[in-house]
Each structure stands twice: as structure tokens, then as C-alpha cells.
N, C-alpha and C. Protein backbone atom coordinates (compact mmCIF):
# COMPACT_ATOMS: atom_id res chain seq x y z
N MET A 1 92.20 53.75 86.33
CA MET A 1 91.21 54.72 86.73
C MET A 1 91.92 56.02 87.13
N LEU A 2 91.36 57.14 86.73
CA LEU A 2 91.96 58.43 87.02
C LEU A 2 91.61 58.88 88.43
N THR A 3 92.61 59.35 89.13
CA THR A 3 92.35 59.92 90.45
C THR A 3 91.82 61.34 90.27
N THR A 4 91.24 61.86 91.31
CA THR A 4 90.68 63.20 91.25
C THR A 4 91.74 64.24 90.92
N SER A 5 92.89 64.14 91.55
CA SER A 5 93.94 65.13 91.29
C SER A 5 94.45 65.02 89.86
N ARG A 6 94.56 63.82 89.34
CA ARG A 6 95.02 63.63 87.97
C ARG A 6 93.98 64.18 86.99
N LEU A 7 92.70 63.97 87.29
CA LEU A 7 91.63 64.47 86.45
C LEU A 7 91.63 66.00 86.43
N LEU A 8 91.81 66.60 87.58
CA LEU A 8 91.88 68.06 87.65
C LEU A 8 93.08 68.60 86.89
N PHE A 9 94.21 67.90 86.99
CA PHE A 9 95.40 68.31 86.26
C PHE A 9 95.15 68.26 84.76
N LEU A 10 94.55 67.19 84.29
CA LEU A 10 94.25 67.06 82.86
C LEU A 10 93.27 68.13 82.40
N LEU A 11 92.27 68.41 83.20
CA LEU A 11 91.31 69.45 82.86
C LEU A 11 92.00 70.81 82.76
N ALA A 12 92.86 71.11 83.71
CA ALA A 12 93.60 72.38 83.68
C ALA A 12 94.51 72.45 82.47
N LEU A 13 95.14 71.34 82.13
CA LEU A 13 96.03 71.29 80.97
C LEU A 13 95.25 71.53 79.68
N VAL A 14 94.10 70.90 79.54
CA VAL A 14 93.27 71.09 78.35
C VAL A 14 92.82 72.54 78.24
N LEU A 15 92.38 73.11 79.35
CA LEU A 15 91.95 74.50 79.33
C LEU A 15 93.10 75.44 78.99
N ALA A 16 94.28 75.15 79.49
CA ALA A 16 95.45 75.98 79.19
C ALA A 16 95.81 75.90 77.72
N VAL A 17 95.75 74.70 77.16
CA VAL A 17 96.07 74.52 75.74
C VAL A 17 95.06 75.25 74.88
N LEU A 18 93.80 75.23 75.28
CA LEU A 18 92.76 75.89 74.51
C LEU A 18 92.76 77.41 74.72
N GLY A 19 93.53 77.87 75.66
CA GLY A 19 93.61 79.31 75.91
C GLY A 19 92.44 79.84 76.72
N VAL A 20 91.75 78.98 77.41
CA VAL A 20 90.62 79.40 78.22
C VAL A 20 91.13 79.87 79.57
N ARG A 21 90.68 81.04 79.94
CA ARG A 21 91.08 81.57 81.25
C ARG A 21 90.00 81.26 82.26
N VAL A 22 90.37 80.68 83.34
CA VAL A 22 89.44 80.36 84.41
C VAL A 22 89.74 81.30 85.57
N PRO A 23 88.84 82.26 85.81
CA PRO A 23 89.10 83.19 86.91
C PRO A 23 88.92 82.50 88.25
N VAL A 24 89.99 82.40 89.00
CA VAL A 24 89.92 81.80 90.33
C VAL A 24 89.18 82.76 91.25
N ALA A 25 89.51 84.01 91.15
CA ALA A 25 88.84 85.07 91.89
C ALA A 25 89.08 86.33 91.10
N GLU A 26 88.30 87.33 91.39
CA GLU A 26 88.55 88.59 90.70
C GLU A 26 89.98 89.02 91.02
N ALA A 27 90.64 89.55 90.00
CA ALA A 27 92.01 89.99 90.20
C ALA A 27 92.03 91.06 91.29
N GLN A 28 92.85 90.85 92.28
CA GLN A 28 92.95 91.80 93.38
C GLN A 28 94.40 92.17 93.59
N GLN A 29 94.60 93.44 93.70
CA GLN A 29 95.92 93.95 94.01
C GLN A 29 95.79 94.71 95.32
N ILE A 30 96.71 94.48 96.23
CA ILE A 30 96.68 95.20 97.50
C ILE A 30 97.19 96.61 97.24
N LEU A 31 96.34 97.58 97.57
CA LEU A 31 96.69 98.99 97.35
C LEU A 31 97.23 99.64 98.61
N ALA A 32 96.78 99.15 99.77
CA ALA A 32 97.23 99.72 101.04
C ALA A 32 97.03 98.69 102.14
N MET A 33 97.86 98.81 103.17
CA MET A 33 97.71 98.00 104.38
C MET A 33 97.44 98.97 105.52
N VAL A 34 96.36 98.75 106.24
CA VAL A 34 96.01 99.60 107.37
C VAL A 34 95.88 98.73 108.61
N ASN A 35 96.81 98.89 109.52
CA ASN A 35 96.81 98.10 110.76
C ASN A 35 96.69 96.60 110.47
N GLY A 36 97.40 96.16 109.46
CA GLY A 36 97.42 94.74 109.12
C GLY A 36 96.30 94.27 108.22
N SER A 37 95.36 95.15 107.88
CA SER A 37 94.25 94.78 106.99
C SER A 37 94.51 95.34 105.60
N PRO A 38 94.41 94.48 104.59
CA PRO A 38 94.64 94.96 103.23
C PRO A 38 93.42 95.67 102.66
N ILE A 39 93.66 96.67 101.86
CA ILE A 39 92.62 97.30 101.05
C ILE A 39 93.02 97.01 99.61
N THR A 40 92.13 96.35 98.89
CA THR A 40 92.45 95.87 97.55
C THR A 40 91.71 96.66 96.47
N THR A 41 92.10 96.39 95.24
CA THR A 41 91.40 96.99 94.10
C THR A 41 89.93 96.58 94.11
N TYR A 42 89.66 95.37 94.57
CA TYR A 42 88.28 94.89 94.67
C TYR A 42 87.50 95.74 95.67
N ASP A 43 88.10 96.05 96.82
CA ASP A 43 87.44 96.88 97.83
C ASP A 43 87.09 98.25 97.26
N VAL A 44 88.03 98.84 96.53
CA VAL A 44 87.81 100.16 95.94
C VAL A 44 86.68 100.09 94.92
N ALA A 45 86.72 99.09 94.04
CA ALA A 45 85.68 98.95 93.02
C ALA A 45 84.31 98.73 93.65
N GLN A 46 84.27 97.90 94.70
CA GLN A 46 83.00 97.63 95.38
C GLN A 46 82.44 98.90 96.01
N ARG A 47 83.30 99.70 96.66
CA ARG A 47 82.82 100.94 97.30
C ARG A 47 82.29 101.90 96.24
N GLN A 48 82.99 102.00 95.11
CA GLN A 48 82.53 102.89 94.05
C GLN A 48 81.17 102.43 93.51
N LYS A 49 81.00 101.14 93.31
CA LYS A 49 79.71 100.62 92.84
C LYS A 49 78.62 100.87 93.87
N LEU A 50 78.94 100.66 95.14
CA LEU A 50 77.97 100.88 96.21
C LEU A 50 77.50 102.33 96.21
N LEU A 51 78.43 103.26 96.14
CA LEU A 51 78.06 104.67 96.14
C LEU A 51 77.18 105.00 94.95
N GLN A 52 77.47 104.40 93.82
CA GLN A 52 76.67 104.63 92.63
C GLN A 52 75.26 104.08 92.83
N VAL A 53 75.14 102.91 93.43
CA VAL A 53 73.84 102.29 93.66
C VAL A 53 72.99 103.12 94.62
N ILE A 54 73.61 103.68 95.65
CA ILE A 54 72.83 104.46 96.62
C ILE A 54 72.62 105.90 96.18
N GLY A 55 73.04 106.21 94.97
CA GLY A 55 72.72 107.51 94.40
C GLY A 55 73.75 108.59 94.59
N GLU A 56 74.91 108.24 95.08
CA GLU A 56 75.98 109.22 95.23
C GLU A 56 76.92 109.11 94.04
N LYS A 57 77.48 110.24 93.67
CA LYS A 57 78.47 110.21 92.60
C LYS A 57 79.76 109.63 93.18
N PRO A 58 80.19 108.48 92.66
CA PRO A 58 81.40 107.88 93.23
C PRO A 58 82.63 108.72 92.91
N PRO A 59 83.48 108.90 93.91
CA PRO A 59 84.73 109.62 93.65
C PRO A 59 85.67 108.75 92.83
N GLY A 60 86.77 109.31 92.41
CA GLY A 60 87.77 108.54 91.68
C GLY A 60 88.39 107.48 92.56
N ALA A 61 89.18 106.62 91.94
CA ALA A 61 89.79 105.49 92.66
C ALA A 61 90.68 105.98 93.81
N LYS A 62 91.44 107.05 93.58
CA LYS A 62 92.35 107.55 94.62
C LYS A 62 91.57 108.05 95.83
N GLU A 63 90.51 108.81 95.56
CA GLU A 63 89.69 109.34 96.65
C GLU A 63 88.97 108.21 97.39
N THR A 64 88.52 107.21 96.63
CA THR A 64 87.84 106.08 97.26
C THR A 64 88.81 105.31 98.15
N LEU A 65 90.04 105.12 97.68
CA LEU A 65 91.05 104.46 98.49
C LEU A 65 91.30 105.25 99.77
N GLU A 66 91.43 106.57 99.67
CA GLU A 66 91.64 107.40 100.85
C GLU A 66 90.47 107.29 101.82
N GLU A 67 89.25 107.22 101.28
CA GLU A 67 88.06 107.06 102.11
C GLU A 67 88.09 105.73 102.85
N LEU A 68 88.50 104.67 102.16
CA LEU A 68 88.58 103.35 102.79
C LEU A 68 89.68 103.31 103.85
N ILE A 69 90.79 103.98 103.59
CA ILE A 69 91.87 104.06 104.59
C ILE A 69 91.35 104.78 105.83
N ASP A 70 90.68 105.92 105.62
CA ASP A 70 90.11 106.66 106.75
C ASP A 70 89.12 105.80 107.53
N GLN A 71 88.29 105.05 106.79
CA GLN A 71 87.31 104.18 107.44
C GLN A 71 88.01 103.14 108.31
N HIS A 72 89.06 102.51 107.79
CA HIS A 72 89.80 101.51 108.57
C HIS A 72 90.41 102.14 109.83
N LEU A 73 90.97 103.34 109.69
CA LEU A 73 91.57 104.01 110.84
C LEU A 73 90.51 104.36 111.88
N LYS A 74 89.36 104.83 111.43
CA LYS A 74 88.27 105.17 112.35
C LYS A 74 87.78 103.94 113.10
N VAL A 75 87.59 102.84 112.37
CA VAL A 75 87.12 101.61 113.00
C VAL A 75 88.15 101.12 114.01
N SER A 76 89.43 101.21 113.66
CA SER A 76 90.48 100.78 114.59
C SER A 76 90.46 101.61 115.87
N ALA A 77 90.29 102.93 115.72
CA ALA A 77 90.23 103.81 116.90
C ALA A 77 89.01 103.47 117.75
N ALA A 78 87.88 103.24 117.12
CA ALA A 78 86.67 102.89 117.86
C ALA A 78 86.83 101.54 118.55
N ASN A 79 87.43 100.58 117.87
CA ASN A 79 87.64 99.26 118.47
C ASN A 79 88.56 99.34 119.68
N ARG A 80 89.63 100.16 119.57
CA ARG A 80 90.54 100.33 120.71
C ARG A 80 89.82 100.93 121.91
N ALA A 81 88.79 101.74 121.63
CA ALA A 81 88.02 102.35 122.71
C ALA A 81 86.89 101.43 123.20
N GLY A 82 86.87 100.20 122.67
CA GLY A 82 85.90 99.22 123.13
C GLY A 82 84.58 99.21 122.38
N MET A 83 84.51 99.94 121.30
CA MET A 83 83.26 99.99 120.53
C MET A 83 83.34 99.03 119.36
N GLN A 84 82.45 98.08 119.37
CA GLN A 84 82.40 97.11 118.28
C GLN A 84 80.94 96.83 117.98
N MET A 85 80.71 96.24 116.85
CA MET A 85 79.36 95.89 116.45
C MET A 85 79.42 94.46 115.94
N ASP A 86 78.70 93.56 116.60
CA ASP A 86 78.77 92.16 116.17
C ASP A 86 77.91 91.93 114.92
N ASP A 87 78.09 90.78 114.31
CA ASP A 87 77.41 90.47 113.05
C ASP A 87 75.89 90.52 113.18
N GLU A 88 75.38 90.09 114.32
CA GLU A 88 73.92 90.10 114.52
C GLU A 88 73.38 91.52 114.48
N ASP A 89 74.09 92.46 115.12
CA ASP A 89 73.66 93.86 115.10
C ASP A 89 73.77 94.46 113.70
N VAL A 90 74.80 94.08 112.97
CA VAL A 90 74.95 94.56 111.59
C VAL A 90 73.79 94.03 110.75
N ASP A 91 73.45 92.77 110.94
CA ASP A 91 72.33 92.19 110.19
C ASP A 91 71.02 92.90 110.52
N LYS A 92 70.83 93.28 111.79
CA LYS A 92 69.63 94.02 112.18
C LYS A 92 69.60 95.39 111.51
N LEU A 93 70.74 96.05 111.46
CA LEU A 93 70.83 97.35 110.81
C LEU A 93 70.56 97.22 109.32
N PHE A 94 71.12 96.19 108.70
CA PHE A 94 70.89 95.92 107.28
C PHE A 94 69.39 95.67 107.04
N ALA A 95 68.75 94.91 107.92
CA ALA A 95 67.32 94.63 107.80
C ALA A 95 66.51 95.91 107.95
N SER A 96 66.95 96.80 108.83
CA SER A 96 66.27 98.07 109.02
C SER A 96 66.35 98.93 107.76
N VAL A 97 67.52 98.98 107.15
CA VAL A 97 67.68 99.73 105.90
C VAL A 97 66.79 99.12 104.82
N ALA A 98 66.77 97.80 104.74
CA ALA A 98 65.94 97.11 103.76
C ALA A 98 64.47 97.44 103.98
N SER A 99 64.05 97.40 105.23
CA SER A 99 62.65 97.68 105.56
C SER A 99 62.25 99.10 105.18
N ARG A 100 63.14 100.06 105.45
CA ARG A 100 62.85 101.45 105.09
C ARG A 100 62.72 101.64 103.59
N SER A 101 63.34 100.75 102.82
CA SER A 101 63.24 100.84 101.36
C SER A 101 62.13 99.93 100.82
N GLY A 102 61.35 99.33 101.74
CA GLY A 102 60.24 98.49 101.33
C GLY A 102 60.65 97.10 100.86
N ARG A 103 61.80 96.63 101.34
CA ARG A 103 62.31 95.33 100.92
C ARG A 103 62.66 94.47 102.13
N THR A 104 62.81 93.19 101.87
CA THR A 104 63.35 92.29 102.88
C THR A 104 64.87 92.35 102.76
N PRO A 105 65.59 91.88 103.77
CA PRO A 105 67.06 91.85 103.65
C PRO A 105 67.51 91.03 102.44
N GLU A 106 66.82 89.95 102.17
CA GLU A 106 67.18 89.11 101.02
C GLU A 106 66.97 89.86 99.71
N GLN A 107 65.87 90.63 99.62
CA GLN A 107 65.61 91.41 98.41
C GLN A 107 66.66 92.51 98.23
N LEU A 108 67.04 93.15 99.33
CA LEU A 108 68.07 94.18 99.24
C LEU A 108 69.40 93.58 98.81
N ALA A 109 69.75 92.44 99.37
CA ALA A 109 70.99 91.76 98.98
C ALA A 109 70.96 91.38 97.51
N ALA A 110 69.80 90.91 97.04
CA ALA A 110 69.67 90.54 95.62
C ALA A 110 69.78 91.77 94.73
N LEU A 111 69.16 92.87 95.15
CA LEU A 111 69.24 94.11 94.37
C LEU A 111 70.68 94.60 94.27
N LEU A 112 71.38 94.57 95.39
CA LEU A 112 72.79 94.96 95.37
C LEU A 112 73.58 94.05 94.45
N GLY A 113 73.32 92.74 94.55
CA GLY A 113 74.02 91.77 93.70
C GLY A 113 73.78 92.01 92.23
N GLN A 114 72.56 92.40 91.87
CA GLN A 114 72.26 92.69 90.47
C GLN A 114 73.07 93.87 89.96
N GLN A 115 73.44 94.75 90.87
CA GLN A 115 74.24 95.93 90.51
C GLN A 115 75.73 95.68 90.64
N GLY A 116 76.09 94.44 90.97
CA GLY A 116 77.50 94.08 91.08
C GLY A 116 78.12 94.39 92.44
N VAL A 117 77.27 94.63 93.43
CA VAL A 117 77.77 94.96 94.77
C VAL A 117 77.50 93.79 95.70
N ASN A 118 78.53 93.32 96.36
CA ASN A 118 78.39 92.28 97.36
C ASN A 118 77.71 92.90 98.59
N ALA A 119 76.67 92.26 99.11
CA ALA A 119 75.95 92.80 100.27
C ALA A 119 76.89 93.03 101.45
N GLN A 120 77.95 92.23 101.56
CA GLN A 120 78.90 92.39 102.65
C GLN A 120 79.61 93.74 102.58
N THR A 121 79.79 94.27 101.37
CA THR A 121 80.39 95.59 101.21
C THR A 121 79.54 96.64 101.91
N PHE A 122 78.23 96.55 101.70
CA PHE A 122 77.31 97.50 102.33
C PHE A 122 77.29 97.28 103.84
N LYS A 123 77.29 96.03 104.28
CA LYS A 123 77.29 95.73 105.71
C LYS A 123 78.56 96.25 106.37
N ASN A 124 79.70 96.13 105.69
CA ASN A 124 80.95 96.65 106.24
C ASN A 124 80.88 98.16 106.43
N LYS A 125 80.26 98.85 105.46
CA LYS A 125 80.12 100.30 105.57
C LYS A 125 79.17 100.65 106.71
N LEU A 126 78.07 99.91 106.83
CA LEU A 126 77.14 100.15 107.94
C LEU A 126 77.84 99.98 109.29
N ARG A 127 78.62 98.91 109.41
CA ARG A 127 79.34 98.64 110.66
C ARG A 127 80.32 99.79 110.96
N ALA A 128 81.08 100.18 109.97
CA ALA A 128 82.08 101.23 110.17
C ALA A 128 81.42 102.55 110.55
N ASP A 129 80.37 102.92 109.84
CA ASP A 129 79.68 104.18 110.14
C ASP A 129 79.10 104.15 111.55
N ASN A 130 78.53 103.02 111.94
CA ASN A 130 77.90 102.91 113.25
C ASN A 130 78.92 102.99 114.39
N VAL A 131 80.01 102.24 114.30
CA VAL A 131 80.99 102.28 115.40
C VAL A 131 81.67 103.65 115.47
N TRP A 132 81.84 104.32 114.33
CA TRP A 132 82.43 105.65 114.36
C TRP A 132 81.48 106.64 115.03
N GLN A 133 80.18 106.54 114.73
CA GLN A 133 79.21 107.41 115.39
C GLN A 133 79.22 107.19 116.90
N GLN A 134 79.31 105.94 117.33
CA GLN A 134 79.40 105.63 118.77
C GLN A 134 80.64 106.30 119.37
N TYR A 135 81.75 106.18 118.67
CA TYR A 135 83.02 106.73 119.14
C TYR A 135 82.92 108.25 119.29
N VAL A 136 82.38 108.90 118.27
CA VAL A 136 82.27 110.36 118.30
C VAL A 136 81.33 110.80 119.42
N ARG A 137 80.20 110.11 119.58
CA ARG A 137 79.26 110.45 120.65
C ARG A 137 79.90 110.31 122.03
N GLN A 138 80.73 109.29 122.20
CA GLN A 138 81.38 109.09 123.49
C GLN A 138 82.45 110.16 123.73
N ARG A 139 83.19 110.50 122.69
CA ARG A 139 84.30 111.45 122.84
C ARG A 139 83.83 112.89 122.89
N ALA A 140 82.77 113.21 122.18
CA ALA A 140 82.28 114.58 122.11
C ALA A 140 80.79 114.59 122.43
N PRO A 141 80.46 114.60 123.71
CA PRO A 141 79.05 114.59 124.07
C PRO A 141 78.33 115.81 123.50
N ALA A 142 77.04 115.68 123.36
CA ALA A 142 76.24 116.76 122.77
C ALA A 142 76.40 118.05 123.59
N ILE A 143 76.42 119.14 122.88
CA ILE A 143 76.52 120.45 123.51
C ILE A 143 75.14 121.08 123.48
N ASN A 144 74.70 121.56 124.62
CA ASN A 144 73.39 122.16 124.72
C ASN A 144 73.56 123.66 124.92
N VAL A 145 73.25 124.44 123.89
CA VAL A 145 73.40 125.89 123.96
C VAL A 145 72.02 126.49 124.22
N ARG A 146 71.93 127.25 125.31
CA ARG A 146 70.66 127.91 125.66
C ARG A 146 70.64 129.31 125.07
N ASP A 147 69.45 129.87 124.96
CA ASP A 147 69.31 131.24 124.46
C ASP A 147 70.11 132.21 125.31
N SER A 148 70.10 131.99 126.62
CA SER A 148 70.83 132.90 127.52
C SER A 148 72.34 132.85 127.24
N ASP A 149 72.86 131.68 126.83
CA ASP A 149 74.28 131.57 126.49
C ASP A 149 74.60 132.41 125.25
N VAL A 150 73.71 132.37 124.27
CA VAL A 150 73.92 133.14 123.03
C VAL A 150 73.88 134.63 123.34
N ILE A 151 72.90 135.05 124.13
CA ILE A 151 72.76 136.47 124.48
C ILE A 151 73.98 136.94 125.26
N ALA A 152 74.46 136.13 126.19
CA ALA A 152 75.64 136.49 126.98
C ALA A 152 76.87 136.63 126.07
N ALA A 153 77.02 135.73 125.12
CA ALA A 153 78.16 135.80 124.20
C ALA A 153 78.07 137.04 123.33
N LEU A 154 76.88 137.37 122.87
CA LEU A 154 76.70 138.58 122.06
C LEU A 154 77.01 139.82 122.87
N ASN A 155 76.58 139.86 124.12
CA ASN A 155 76.85 141.01 124.98
C ASN A 155 78.34 141.17 125.26
N ARG A 156 79.05 140.07 125.40
CA ARG A 156 80.50 140.12 125.65
C ARG A 156 81.25 140.64 124.44
N ASN A 157 80.81 140.26 123.25
CA ASN A 157 81.55 140.57 122.03
C ASN A 157 81.06 141.82 121.32
N GLY A 158 80.07 142.50 121.83
CA GLY A 158 79.59 143.72 121.21
C GLY A 158 78.62 143.45 120.08
N PRO A 159 78.25 144.51 119.36
CA PRO A 159 77.25 144.38 118.31
C PRO A 159 77.74 143.46 117.18
N VAL A 160 76.77 142.80 116.56
CA VAL A 160 77.06 141.87 115.47
C VAL A 160 76.39 142.38 114.22
N GLU A 161 77.14 142.42 113.13
CA GLU A 161 76.58 142.83 111.85
C GLU A 161 76.33 141.58 111.01
N LEU A 162 75.09 141.39 110.61
CA LEU A 162 74.74 140.24 109.78
C LEU A 162 74.86 140.63 108.32
N VAL A 163 75.55 139.84 107.56
CA VAL A 163 75.76 140.10 106.15
C VAL A 163 75.20 138.92 105.37
N ALA A 164 74.28 139.20 104.46
CA ALA A 164 73.71 138.12 103.62
C ALA A 164 74.67 137.83 102.48
N THR A 165 74.82 136.55 102.18
CA THR A 165 75.69 136.19 101.05
C THR A 165 74.91 135.51 99.97
């Protein structure tokens, strides 16, 4: 009787002899390491597909890689400052986006999947954008400029000439 491992070996041998390629996973090459996290060719391809699905013109691979590196750095900075977003909050945000588009989260995930985008790619972007916004709000609180501040600045700097372009 054939053991499971022997059966798998024979199956692999037959497939190899026949020249059949069995993709274990999509080919991934590490393009960059950011604070110990790899950014792969798969990550770049997924981001480009996501941007295309949401109606943005995807940048080239180099620009997309730079965007992903920036995103990793931003998330790291926000995390060091204590800002994180747990999976439950990300799922709520994903559900909110789905609802605004007239879909359930499952329908949105299926739609993304039909376009070749893993829903987790979109969730990762939502998480990164959200924690970065929190970080920026904490570091640079809103500035409230009153009319009197504008008038005082104009009076200090003299007359202003407006030029239409």
C-alpha cells in the first residue's frame, strides 16, 4: 500500500515528466525590505490592480514600489506613536466603504476578486491610510484662521496685488 508521502512523490514525478507546472504560489520576488517587512512583486501588482479598480491610473512599477515603501514607513511611524488599527476596525471601515457603494462587504470582496485584487490588499491600504491620518492629526492639529488674522497679516505686509493665472 502506498503511503501518502510516496503517493505525493509519485504524483510530483509524473507531473514533472509531463512538463506540467504546478504553481505553488504566485511567483514573488522581494523588491524591498522596510523595517523587516518585505515588499514583493505581488504587492506591487496588487496595488496597481487596486488603483485601476478604484478608477485611478496606476503608476508604473517603480512608482508603485516607492508608494508602498512610503506607506510602510508611515505606518511604522504611526505605530511607534501608539496609533494602530485592529482587524475589527479595519473590517468596519471596509464594510462602510462597501455600504457607500451599495454593496455588502462580501459583495465588495467578490468584486475585487473578480478584478484580480485580494480584498486584504484593499484592507491594508485602508488601515495604512487611517493610521497615517490619525498620526498627522495628532502631530499637526487643525489651524483655525480668523478673518481678523488675515486682515492683520495683510496690514503688516502692505498692499497685495492679485494676479489671475
